[in-house]
Amino acid sequence: MGVFSDISDGWGLFTSSIRVLGKYPVLLLPLFFSWVLVAGLILYMRYYFVAPNSFALVLVYVYGFLFSITLIVSVANTMMLEVVQQIETGSKISLKKALEETFGLDLIKVIPLAAVWALVWFIIVIIRVLTSKKRGGSKSEPSAKDAARTLGGANSGPFSWLGLGLQMFEKLVRMTTFLALPAIAWENLGPISAYKRAGEIIRKHPIQFLTAYSLTGVAALFMIIPLYIIFKLDDAGMNFSTIFWVGVIVYEGLVWTLSNYLEQMTVGILYLWHLKWMKNGGTGDLSDVPKPDLFDHYHELAEYSKAVV
């Protein structure tokens, strides 16, 4: 019964994140803007980046590229969490204030988390390159079609079980990083303490975390089904207009934004639920304590932090 209850808790995390979005769609703005930056980086690397002759420099550039992405995403998620704090404390929603707090208070703590995430991702990329049968060719010419296929992952090579496993592991590292970000945005903890808090929550509530991990993955899978169909039709020789491919790019941005939002918000609610559970003694099932609703127990964070840090 305990396992089924834990899975139900994970489902509750997922549905709560959707309800929050329905009430506060403004939370998507930092993430969508981050996608614009990430997409720009990816397309720059595909069309205009010239690799140096030094292999060591190539590795540095690759890590720098991945770190840029992880930092952009981490900063955007932290900004979203700062907006959540404004909502909970009854303050007027201000993206400007959230941006100032993110860069003024949180950035220096977020950088190490993004660096570790990028390092794991870098190792995964190296493994995929070494095990891939596809080898680099000539530079592609910029076009809406190629940009859409690149951003949608259609140009990343054929499916492999190893590639899927590596993607799943990278998602695990990503969501662990997302679970650490609330410790920085809401409790002002440092990066090491934030990772420890994330690890504590995963150890105490593994089923809830893995259920949230799985459900966000399933949601992303359903959202990319239209892209899969479009790319298959394109491979089969069907022609689409430039305007159509631009629409595909916009849809990819929405999918990316929603996927990141669901991952961050589900673990954010789990974070708060854990704090409330600890405030009530930290024993028994997580479901014994009512799940936070729209972060209505955010005010308990400061008191809890003093007690456990």
C-alpha atoms as a PDB file:
ATOM      1  CA  MET A   1       0.000   0.000   0.000  1.00  0.00           C
ATOM      2  CA  GLY A   2       2.923   2.297   0.777  1.00  0.00           C
ATOM      3  CA  VAL A   3       4.346   2.078  -2.756  1.00  0.00           C
ATOM      4  CA  PHE A   4       0.963   2.823  -4.351  1.00  0.00           C
ATOM      5  CA  SER A   5       0.546   5.750  -1.973  1.00  0.00           C
ATOM      6  CA  ASP A   6       3.982   7.065  -2.951  1.00  0.00           C
ATOM      7  CA  ILE A   7       3.135   6.765  -6.660  1.00  0.00           C
ATOM      8  CA  SER A   8      -0.117   8.630  -5.985  1.00  0.00           C
ATOM      9  CA  ASP A   9       1.948  11.346  -4.291  1.00  0.00           C
ATOM     10  CA  GLY A  10       4.082  11.618  -7.438  1.00  0.00           C
ATOM     11  CA  TRP A  11       0.950  11.945  -9.555  1.00  0.00           C
ATOM     12  CA  GLY A  12      -0.231  14.693  -7.213  1.00  0.00           C
ATOM     13  CA  LEU A  13       3.037  16.571  -7.746  1.00  0.00           C
ATOM     14  CA  PHE A  14       2.549  16.389 -11.509  1.00  0.00           C
ATOM     15  CA  THR A  15      -1.084  17.534 -11.505  1.00  0.00           C
ATOM     16  CA  SER A  16      -0.340  20.325  -9.036  1.00  0.00           C
ATOM     17  CA  SER A  17       2.342  21.714 -11.335  1.00  0.00           C
ATOM     18  CA  ILE A  18      -0.231  21.858 -14.146  1.00  0.00           C
ATOM     19  CA  ARG A  19      -2.753  23.661 -11.923  1.00  0.00           C
ATOM     20  CA  VAL A  20      -0.146  26.218 -10.898  1.00  0.00           C
ATOM     21  CA  LEU A  21       0.599  26.906 -14.571  1.00  0.00           C
ATOM     22  CA  GLY A  22      -3.100  27.386 -15.286  1.00  0.00           C
ATOM     23  CA  LYS A  23      -3.276  30.087 -12.652  1.00  0.00           C
ATOM     24  CA  TYR A  24       0.117  31.714 -13.296  1.00  0.00           C
ATOM     25  CA  PRO A  25       1.153  31.298 -16.964  1.00  0.00           C
ATOM     26  CA  VAL A  26       3.644  34.138 -16.431  1.00  0.00           C
ATOM     27  CA  LEU A  27       5.934  31.489 -14.919  1.00  0.00           C
ATOM     28  CA  LEU A  28       6.717  30.279 -18.442  1.00  0.00           C
ATOM     29  CA  LEU A  29       8.253  33.565 -19.599  1.00  0.00           C
ATOM     30  CA  PRO A  30      11.765  33.077 -18.134  1.00  0.00           C
ATOM     31  CA  LEU A  31      11.906  29.543 -19.524  1.00  0.00           C
ATOM     32  CA  PHE A  32      10.717  30.516 -23.004  1.00  0.00           C
ATOM     33  CA  PHE A  33      13.269  33.318 -23.168  1.00  0.00           C
ATOM     34  CA  SER A  34      15.958  30.853 -22.101  1.00  0.00           C
ATOM     35  CA  TRP A  35      14.900  28.566 -24.960  1.00  0.00           C
ATOM     36  CA  VAL A  36      15.447  31.430 -27.425  1.00  0.00           C
ATOM     37  CA  LEU A  37      19.013  31.778 -26.117  1.00  0.00           C
ATOM     38  CA  VAL A  38      19.641  28.032 -26.110  1.00  0.00           C
ATOM     39  CA  ALA A  39      18.227  27.623 -29.622  1.00  0.00           C
ATOM     40  CA  GLY A  40      20.444  30.467 -30.815  1.00  0.00           C
ATOM     41  CA  LEU A  41      23.514  28.758 -29.340  1.00  0.00           C
ATOM     42  CA  ILE A  42      22.642  25.411 -30.917  1.00  0.00           C
ATOM     43  CA  LEU A  43      22.078  26.913 -34.363  1.00  0.00           C
ATOM     44  CA  TYR A  44      25.261  28.990 -34.123  1.00  0.00           C
ATOM     45  CA  MET A  45      27.252  25.844 -33.354  1.00  0.00           C
ATOM     46  CA  ARG A  46      25.638  24.022 -36.276  1.00  0.00           C
ATOM     47  CA  TYR A  47      26.073  26.698 -38.930  1.00  0.00           C
ATOM     48  CA  TYR A  48      28.878  29.048 -37.953  1.00  0.00           C
ATOM     49  CA  PHE A  49      31.182  27.459 -35.391  1.00  0.00           C
ATOM     50  CA  VAL A  50      34.592  26.508 -36.774  1.00  0.00           C
ATOM     51  CA  ALA A  51      36.338  23.865 -34.712  1.00  0.00           C
ATOM     52  CA  PRO A  52      39.981  24.574 -33.843  1.00  0.00           C
ATOM     53  CA  ASN A  53      42.712  22.173 -34.901  1.00  0.00           C
ATOM     54  CA  SER A  54      43.624  21.369 -31.300  1.00  0.00           C
ATOM     55  CA  PHE A  55      41.641  18.431 -29.886  1.00  0.00           C
ATOM     56  CA  ALA A  56      42.051  19.840 -26.381  1.00  0.00           C
ATOM     57  CA  LEU A  57      40.534  23.133 -27.501  1.00  0.00           C
ATOM     58  CA  VAL A  58      37.638  21.286 -29.115  1.00  0.00           C
ATOM     59  CA  LEU A  59      36.894  19.664 -25.752  1.00  0.00           C
ATOM     60  CA  VAL A  60      37.070  23.052 -24.033  1.00  0.00           C
ATOM     61  CA  TYR A  61      34.668  24.543 -26.565  1.00  0.00           C
ATOM     62  CA  VAL A  62      32.251  21.630 -26.218  1.00  0.00           C
ATOM     63  CA  TYR A  63      32.233  21.893 -22.439  1.00  0.00           C
ATOM     64  CA  GLY A  64      31.823  25.665 -22.675  1.00  0.00           C
ATOM     65  CA  PHE A  65      28.867  25.196 -25.012  1.00  0.00           C
ATOM     66  CA  LEU A  66      27.179  22.716 -22.650  1.00  0.00           C
ATOM     67  CA  PHE A  67      27.922  24.876 -19.615  1.00  0.00           C
ATOM     68  CA  SER A  68      26.368  27.873 -21.354  1.00  0.00           C
ATOM     69  CA  ILE A  69      23.165  25.883 -21.860  1.00  0.00           C
ATOM     70  CA  THR A  70      23.016  24.513 -18.313  1.00  0.00           C
ATOM     71  CA  LEU A  71      23.685  27.963 -16.863  1.00  0.00           C
ATOM     72  CA  ILE A  72      21.011  29.617 -19.010  1.00  0.00           C
ATOM     73  CA  VAL A  73      18.438  26.991 -18.007  1.00  0.00           C
ATOM     74  CA  SER A  74      19.422  27.065 -14.319  1.00  0.00           C
ATOM     75  CA  VAL A  75      19.209  30.857 -14.194  1.00  0.00           C
ATOM     76  CA  ALA A  76      15.804  30.835 -15.930  1.00  0.00           C
ATOM     77  CA  ASN A  77      14.465  28.224 -13.505  1.00  0.00           C
ATOM     78  CA  THR A  78      15.821  30.151 -10.533  1.00  0.00           C
ATOM     79  CA  MET A  79      14.110  33.285 -11.814  1.00  0.00           C
ATOM     80  CA  MET A  80      10.865  31.325 -12.095  1.00  0.00           C
ATOM     81  CA  LEU A  81      11.276  30.142  -8.510  1.00  0.00           C
ATOM     82  CA  GLU A  82      11.794  33.740  -7.403  1.00  0.00           C
ATOM     83  CA  VAL A  83       8.466  34.611  -9.049  1.00  0.00           C
ATOM     84  CA  VAL A  84       6.881  31.722  -7.137  1.00  0.00           C
ATOM     85  CA  GLN A  85       8.206  33.287  -3.926  1.00  0.00           C
ATOM     86  CA  GLN A  86       6.543  36.565  -4.866  1.00  0.00           C
ATOM     87  CA  ILE A  87       3.253  34.760  -5.430  1.00  0.00           C
ATOM     88  CA  GLU A  88       3.416  32.968  -2.092  1.00  0.00           C
ATOM     89  CA  THR A  89       4.336  36.041  -0.057  1.00  0.00           C
ATOM     90  CA  GLY A  90       1.520  38.040  -1.630  1.00  0.00           C
ATOM     91  CA  SER A  91       3.868  40.442  -3.412  1.00  0.00           C
ATOM     92  CA  LYS A  92       3.084  41.913  -6.796  1.00  0.00           C
ATOM     93  CA  ILE A  93       4.519  39.719  -9.534  1.00  0.00           C
ATOM     94  CA  SER A  94       7.589  41.457 -10.919  1.00  0.00           C
ATOM     95  CA  LEU A  95       9.851  39.766 -13.440  1.00  0.00           C
ATOM     96  CA  LYS A  96      12.249  42.685 -13.043  1.00  0.00           C
ATOM     97  CA  LYS A  97      12.603  42.059  -9.311  1.00  0.00           C
ATOM     98  CA  ALA A  98      12.962  38.318  -9.881  1.00  0.00           C
ATOM     99  CA  LEU A  99      15.698  39.002 -12.414  1.00  0.00           C
ATOM    100  CA  GLU A 100      17.519  41.304  -9.994  1.00  0.00           C
ATOM    101  CA  GLU A 101      17.367  38.752  -7.183  1.00  0.00           C
ATOM    102  CA  THR A 102      18.493  35.953  -9.478  1.00  0.00           C
ATOM    103  CA  PHE A 103      21.560  37.820 -10.706  1.00  0.00           C
ATOM    104  CA  GLY A 104      22.224  39.712  -7.488  1.00  0.00           C
ATOM    105  CA  LEU A 105      21.799  36.936  -4.897  1.00  0.00           C
ATOM    106  CA  ASP A 106      21.544  33.555  -6.590  1.00  0.00           C
ATOM    107  CA  LEU A 107      23.843  33.529  -9.607  1.00  0.00           C
ATOM    108  CA  ILE A 108      27.119  32.884  -7.797  1.00  0.00           C
ATOM    109  CA  LYS A 109      25.505  29.860  -6.102  1.00  0.00           C
ATOM    110  CA  VAL A 110      23.841  28.580  -9.268  1.00  0.00           C
ATOM    111  CA  ILE A 111      27.065  28.543 -11.305  1.00  0.00           C
ATOM    112  CA  PRO A 112      28.612  25.494  -9.521  1.00  0.00           C
ATOM    113  CA  LEU A 113      25.384  23.501  -9.976  1.00  0.00           C
ATOM    114  CA  ALA A 114      25.323  24.329 -13.684  1.00  0.00           C
ATOM    115  CA  ALA A 115      29.019  23.426 -13.949  1.00  0.00           C
ATOM    116  CA  VAL A 116      28.501  19.966 -12.410  1.00  0.00           C
ATOM    117  CA  TRP A 117      25.457  19.305 -14.594  1.00  0.00           C
ATOM    118  CA  ALA A 118      27.458  20.381 -17.667  1.00  0.00           C
ATOM    119  CA  LEU A 119      30.348  18.093 -16.671  1.00  0.00           C
ATOM    120  CA  VAL A 120      28.084  15.038 -16.491  1.00  0.00           C
ATOM    121  CA  TRP A 121      26.472  16.031 -19.785  1.00  0.00           C
ATOM    122  CA  PHE A 122      29.938  16.498 -21.308  1.00  0.00           C
ATOM    123  CA  ILE A 123      30.915  12.936 -20.337  1.00  0.00           C
ATOM    124  CA  ILE A 124      27.658  11.657 -21.842  1.00  0.00           C
ATOM    125  CA  VAL A 125      28.355  13.515 -25.095  1.00  0.00           C
ATOM    126  CA  ILE A 126      31.848  12.013 -25.277  1.00  0.00           C
ATOM    127  CA  ILE A 127      30.430   8.521 -24.776  1.00  0.00           C
ATOM    128  CA  ARG A 128      27.814   9.083 -27.477  1.00  0.00           C
ATOM    129  CA  VAL A 129      30.432  10.357 -29.940  1.00  0.00           C
ATOM    130  CA  LEU A 130      32.732   7.407 -29.280  1.00  0.00           C
ATOM    131  CA  THR A 131      29.900   4.884 -29.740  1.00  0.00           C
ATOM    132  CA  SER A 132      28.150   6.570 -32.665  1.00  0.00           C
ATOM    133  CA  LYS A 133      28.445   5.260 -36.210  1.00  0.00           C
ATOM    134  CA  LYS A 134      27.629   8.697 -37.583  1.00  0.00           C
ATOM    135  CA  ARG A 135      30.641  10.859 -38.326  1.00  0.00           C
ATOM    136  CA  GLY A 136      30.802  14.590 -38.886  1.00  0.00           C
ATOM    137  CA  GLY A 137      30.417  15.899 -42.409  1.00  0.00           C
ATOM    138  CA  SER A 138      30.295  19.261 -44.112  1.00  0.00           C
ATOM    139  CA  LYS A 139      28.547  22.266 -42.627  1.00  0.00           C
ATOM    140  CA  SER A 140      24.809  22.504 -43.272  1.00  0.00           C
ATOM    141  CA  GLU A 141      23.321  25.550 -44.918  1.00  0.00           C
ATOM    142  CA  PRO A 142      20.983  27.597 -42.691  1.00  0.00           C
ATOM    143  CA  SER A 143      17.305  27.057 -43.442  1.00  0.00           C
ATOM    144  CA  ALA A 144      14.051  26.944 -41.499  1.00  0.00           C
ATOM    145  CA  LYS A 145      13.721  23.240 -42.290  1.00  0.00           C
ATOM    146  CA  ASP A 146      17.211  22.299 -41.103  1.00  0.00           C
ATOM    147  CA  ALA A 147      16.852  24.515 -38.028  1.00  0.00           C
ATOM    148  CA  ALA A 148      13.570  22.798 -37.116  1.00  0.00           C
ATOM    149  CA  ARG A 149      15.067  19.337 -37.593  1.00  0.00           C
ATOM    150  CA  THR A 150      18.142  20.285 -35.565  1.00  0.00           C
ATOM    151  CA  LEU A 151      16.207  21.775 -32.655  1.00  0.00           C
ATOM    152  CA  GLY A 152      13.799  18.829 -32.749  1.00  0.00           C
ATOM    153  CA  GLY A 153      16.633  16.295 -32.556  1.00  0.00           C
ATOM    154  CA  ALA A 154      15.942  14.783 -35.980  1.00  0.00           C
ATOM    155  CA  ASN A 155      19.565  15.324 -37.036  1.00  0.00           C
ATOM    156  CA  SER A 156      21.085  13.657 -33.982  1.00  0.00           C
ATOM    157  CA  GLY A 157      21.439  10.225 -35.561  1.00  0.00           C
ATOM    158  CA  PRO A 158      19.563   6.919 -35.409  1.00  0.00           C
ATOM    159  CA  PHE A 159      17.928   5.537 -32.269  1.00  0.00           C
ATOM    160  CA  SER A 160      19.999   3.339 -29.956  1.00  0.00           C
ATOM    161  CA  TRP A 161      19.314   1.835 -26.553  1.00  0.00           C
ATOM    162  CA  LEU A 162      22.610   3.213 -25.278  1.00  0.00           C
ATOM    163  CA  GLY A 163      21.617   6.688 -26.426  1.00  0.00           C
ATOM    164  CA  LEU A 164      18.250   6.338 -24.703  1.00  0.00           C
ATOM    165  CA  GLY A 165      19.915   5.213 -21.490  1.00  0.00           C
ATOM    166  CA  LEU A 166      22.309   8.157 -21.589  1.00  0.00           C
ATOM    167  CA  GLN A 167      19.413  10.556 -22.189  1.00  0.00           C
ATOM    168  CA  MET A 168      17.573   9.102 -19.196  1.00  0.00           C
ATOM    169  CA  PHE A 169      20.649   9.483 -17.006  1.00  0.00           C
ATOM    170  CA  GLU A 170      21.145  13.087 -18.127  1.00  0.00           C
ATOM    171  CA  LYS A 171      17.501  13.780 -17.267  1.00  0.00           C
ATOM    172  CA  LEU A 172      18.097  12.288 -13.809  1.00  0.00           C
ATOM    173  CA  VAL A 173      21.043  14.618 -13.247  1.00  0.00           C
ATOM    174  CA  ARG A 174      19.029  17.546 -14.621  1.00  0.00           C
ATOM    175  CA  MET A 175      16.075  16.957 -12.304  1.00  0.00           C
ATOM    176  CA  THR A 176      18.407  16.515  -9.332  1.00  0.00           C
ATOM    177  CA  THR A 177      19.882  19.910 -10.175  1.00  0.00           C
ATOM    178  CA  PHE A 178      16.360  21.328 -10.444  1.00  0.00           C
ATOM    179  CA  LEU A 179      15.613  19.887  -6.999  1.00  0.00           C
ATOM    180  CA  ALA A 180      18.630  21.751  -5.613  1.00  0.00           C
ATOM    181  CA  LEU A 181      17.672  25.129  -7.100  1.00  0.00           C
ATOM    182  CA  PRO A 182      14.817  25.838  -4.608  1.00  0.00           C
ATOM    183  CA  ALA A 183      17.342  25.571  -1.773  1.00  0.00           C
ATOM    184  CA  ILE A 184      19.183  28.502  -3.359  1.00  0.00           C
ATOM    185  CA  ALA A 185      16.178  30.573  -4.441  1.00  0.00           C
ATOM    186  CA  TRP A 186      14.028  30.026  -1.339  1.00  0.00           C
ATOM    187  CA  GLU A 187      16.440  29.264   1.495  1.00  0.00           C
ATOM    188  CA  ASN A 188      19.586  31.082   0.332  1.00  0.00           C
ATOM    189  CA  LEU A 189      21.682  27.951   0.814  1.00  0.00           C
ATOM    190  CA  GLY A 190      25.041  27.509  -0.890  1.00  0.00           C
ATOM    191  CA  PRO A 191      25.592  25.038  -3.758  1.00  0.00           C
ATOM    192  CA  ILE A 192      26.990  22.220  -1.582  1.00  0.00           C
ATOM    193  CA  SER A 193      24.168  22.510   0.942  1.00  0.00           C
ATOM    194  CA  ALA A 194      21.669  22.699  -1.932  1.00  0.00           C
ATOM    195  CA  TYR A 195      22.942  19.418  -3.386  1.00  0.00           C
ATOM    196  CA  LYS A 196      22.852  17.823   0.057  1.00  0.00           C
ATOM    197  CA  ARG A 197      19.238  18.944   0.485  1.00  0.00           C
ATOM    198  CA  ALA A 198      18.338  17.510  -2.926  1.00  0.00           C
ATOM    199  CA  GLY A 199      20.023  14.219  -2.043  1.00  0.00           C
ATOM    200  CA  GLU A 200      18.192  14.127   1.291  1.00  0.00           C
ATOM    201  CA  ILE A 201      14.820  14.556  -0.422  1.00  0.00           C
ATOM    202  CA  ILE A 202      15.544  11.847  -2.988  1.00  0.00           C
ATOM    203  CA  ARG A 203      16.659   9.414  -0.261  1.00  0.00           C
ATOM    204  CA  LYS A 204      13.579  10.111   1.854  1.00  0.00           C
ATOM    205  CA  HIS A 205      11.066  10.100  -1.000  1.00  0.00           C
ATOM    206  CA  PRO A 206      12.549   8.069  -3.907  1.00  0.00           C
ATOM    207  CA  ILE A 207       9.230   6.796  -5.290  1.00  0.00           C
ATOM    208  CA  GLN A 208       7.710  10.279  -5.416  1.00  0.00           C
ATOM    209  CA  PHE A 209      10.813  11.616  -7.172  1.00  0.00           C
ATOM    210  CA  LEU A 210      10.950   8.756  -9.681  1.00  0.00           C
ATOM    211  CA  THR A 211       7.215   9.049 -10.356  1.00  0.00           C
ATOM    212  CA  ALA A 212       7.617  12.760 -11.098  1.00  0.00           C
ATOM    213  CA  TYR A 213      10.627  11.865 -13.276  1.00  0.00           C
ATOM    214  CA  SER A 214       8.567   9.326 -15.226  1.00  0.00           C
ATOM    215  CA  LEU A 215       5.419  11.425 -15.624  1.00  0.00           C
ATOM    216  CA  THR A 216       7.306  14.460 -16.903  1.00  0.00           C
ATOM    217  CA  GLY A 217       9.033  12.173 -19.391  1.00  0.00           C
ATOM    218  CA  VAL A 218       5.706  10.739 -20.574  1.00  0.00           C
ATOM    219  CA  ALA A 219       4.284  14.259 -20.938  1.00  0.00           C
ATOM    220  CA  ALA A 220       7.277  15.281 -23.062  1.00  0.00           C
ATOM    221  CA  LEU A 221       6.874  12.138 -25.166  1.00  0.00           C
ATOM    222  CA  PHE A 222       3.256  12.959 -25.952  1.00  0.00           C
ATOM    223  CA  MET A 223       4.172  16.530 -26.859  1.00  0.00           C
ATOM    224  CA  ILE A 224       6.812  15.435 -29.371  1.00  0.00           C
ATOM    225  CA  ILE A 225       4.561  12.965 -31.211  1.00  0.00           C
ATOM    226  CA  PRO A 226       3.509  15.645 -33.765  1.00  0.00           C
ATOM    227  CA  LEU A 227       7.199  16.403 -34.382  1.00  0.00           C
ATOM    228  CA  TYR A 228       7.940  12.724 -34.929  1.00  0.00           C
ATOM    229  CA  ILE A 229       5.152  12.496 -37.516  1.00  0.00           C
ATOM    230  CA  ILE A 230       6.320  15.648 -39.311  1.00  0.00           C
ATOM    231  CA  PHE A 231       9.933  14.478 -39.488  1.00  0.00           C
ATOM    232  CA  LYS A 232       8.875  11.056 -40.778  1.00  0.00           C
ATOM    233  CA  LEU A 233       6.767  12.695 -43.507  1.00  0.00           C
ATOM    234  CA  ASP A 234       9.716  14.923 -44.398  1.00  0.00           C
ATOM    235  CA  ASP A 235      11.997  11.876 -44.603  1.00  0.00           C
ATOM    236  CA  ALA A 236       9.451  10.263 -46.902  1.00  0.00           C
ATOM    237  CA  GLY A 237       9.743  13.180 -49.333  1.00  0.00           C
ATOM    238  CA  MET A 238       6.755  15.350 -48.425  1.00  0.00           C
ATOM    239  CA  ASN A 239       7.450  19.034 -48.971  1.00  0.00           C
ATOM    240  CA  PHE A 240       6.514  21.700 -46.413  1.00  0.00           C
ATOM    241  CA  SER A 241       6.706  25.456 -46.790  1.00  0.00           C
ATOM    242  CA  THR A 242       9.163  27.705 -44.977  1.00  0.00           C
ATOM    243  CA  ILE A 243       6.291  29.184 -42.955  1.00  0.00           C
ATOM    244  CA  PHE A 244       5.328  25.695 -41.855  1.00  0.00           C
ATOM    245  CA  TRP A 245       8.865  24.977 -40.613  1.00  0.00           C
ATOM    246  CA  VAL A 246       8.910  28.291 -38.736  1.00  0.00           C
ATOM    247  CA  GLY A 247       5.710  27.144 -37.019  1.00  0.00           C
ATOM    248  CA  VAL A 248       7.432  23.866 -36.155  1.00  0.00           C
ATOM    249  CA  ILE A 249      10.281  25.814 -34.543  1.00  0.00           C
ATOM    250  CA  VAL A 250       7.814  27.798 -32.434  1.00  0.00           C
ATOM    251  CA  TYR A 251       6.093  24.568 -31.387  1.00  0.00           C
ATOM    252  CA  GLU A 252       9.466  23.083 -30.417  1.00  0.00           C
ATOM    253  CA  GLY A 253      10.060  26.105 -28.232  1.00  0.00           C
ATOM    254  CA  LEU A 254       6.718  25.576 -26.489  1.00  0.00           C
ATOM    255  CA  VAL A 255       7.452  21.862 -25.970  1.00  0.00           C
ATOM    256  CA  TRP A 256      10.893  22.628 -24.551  1.00  0.00           C
ATOM    257  CA  THR A 257       9.479  25.334 -22.273  1.00  0.00           C
ATOM    258  CA  LEU A 258       6.628  23.190 -20.947  1.00  0.00           C
ATOM    259  CA  SER A 259       8.894  20.186 -20.423  1.00  0.00           C
ATOM    260  CA  ASN A 260      11.372  22.188 -18.361  1.00  0.00           C
ATOM    261  CA  TYR A 261       8.566  23.857 -16.434  1.00  0.00           C
ATOM    262  CA  LEU A 262       6.992  20.516 -15.488  1.00  0.00           C
ATOM    263  CA  GLU A 263      10.319  19.097 -14.362  1.00  0.00           C
ATOM    264  CA  GLN A 264      11.172  22.130 -12.253  1.00  0.00           C
ATOM    265  CA  MET A 265       7.743  22.669 -10.753  1.00  0.00           C
ATOM    266  CA  THR A 266       7.109  19.034  -9.819  1.00  0.00           C
ATOM    267  CA  VAL A 267      10.370  18.820  -7.876  1.00  0.00           C
ATOM    268  CA  GLY A 268       9.759  22.299  -6.464  1.00  0.00           C
ATOM    269  CA  ILE A 269       6.471  21.165  -4.947  1.00  0.00           C
ATOM    270  CA  LEU A 270       8.187  17.984  -3.708  1.00  0.00           C
ATOM    271  CA  TYR A 271      10.791  20.214  -2.057  1.00  0.00           C
ATOM    272  CA  LEU A 272       8.134  22.156  -0.164  1.00  0.00           C
ATOM    273  CA  TRP A 273       6.221  19.002   0.719  1.00  0.00           C
ATOM    274  CA  HIS A 274       9.400  17.551   2.215  1.00  0.00           C
ATOM    275  CA  LEU A 275       9.924  20.674   4.319  1.00  0.00           C
ATOM    276  CA  LYS A 276       6.377  20.462   5.618  1.00  0.00           C
ATOM    277  CA  TRP A 277       6.847  16.739   6.349  1.00  0.00           C
ATOM    278  CA  MET A 278      10.014  17.494   8.321  1.00  0.00           C
ATOM    279  CA  LYS A 279       8.221  20.228  10.259  1.00  0.00           C
ATOM    280  CA  ASN A 280       5.723  17.575  11.307  1.00  0.00           C
ATOM    281  CA  GLY A 281       8.406  15.259  12.671  1.00  0.00           C
ATOM    282  CA  GLY A 282       9.805  13.671   9.511  1.00  0.00           C
ATOM    283  CA  THR A 283       8.283  10.259  10.197  1.00  0.00           C
ATOM    284  CA  GLY A 284       5.687   8.156   8.410  1.00  0.00           C
ATOM    285  CA  ASP A 285       4.561   8.522   4.819  1.00  0.00           C
ATOM    286  CA  LEU A 286       4.830  11.803   2.974  1.00  0.00           C
ATOM    287  CA  SER A 287       1.098  11.583   2.269  1.00  0.00           C
ATOM    288  CA  ASP A 288       0.433  11.767   6.020  1.00  0.00           C
ATOM    289  CA  VAL A 289       1.100  15.498   5.639  1.00  0.00           C
ATOM    290  CA  PRO A 290      -1.191  17.530   3.317  1.00  0.00           C
ATOM    291  CA  LYS A 291       0.531  18.491   0.080  1.00  0.00           C
ATOM    292  CA  PRO A 292       1.372  22.219  -0.205  1.00  0.00           C
ATOM    293  CA  ASP A 293      -1.203  24.032  -2.304  1.00  0.00           C
ATOM    294  CA  LEU A 294       0.154  26.848  -4.471  1.00  0.00           C
ATOM    295  CA  PHE A 295       3.095  27.096  -2.090  1.00  0.00           C
ATOM    296  CA  ASP A 296       0.945  28.231   0.811  1.00  0.00           C
ATOM    297  CA  HIS A 297       3.538  27.003   3.299  1.00  0.00           C
ATOM    298  CA  TYR A 298       6.476  28.935   1.911  1.00  0.00           C
ATOM    299  CA  HIS A 299       6.661  31.032   5.091  1.00  0.00           C
ATOM    300  CA  GLU A 300       7.823  27.947   6.985  1.00  0.00           C
ATOM    301  CA  LEU A 301      11.067  27.758   5.027  1.00  0.00           C
ATOM    302  CA  ALA A 302      13.027  30.223   7.112  1.00  0.00           C
ATOM    303  CA  GLU A 303      12.130  28.531  10.389  1.00  0.00           C
ATOM    304  CA  TYR A 304      12.843  25.060   8.998  1.00  0.00           C
ATOM    305  CA  SER A 305      16.162  26.190   7.533  1.00  0.00           C
ATOM    306  CA  LYS A 306      17.339  27.495  10.908  1.00  0.00           C
ATOM    307  CA  ALA A 307      16.436  24.195  12.510  1.00  0.00           C
ATOM    308  CA  VAL A 308      18.245  21.873  10.096  1.00  0.00           C
ATOM    309  CA  VAL A 309      21.122  23.794   8.467  1.00  0.00           C
END
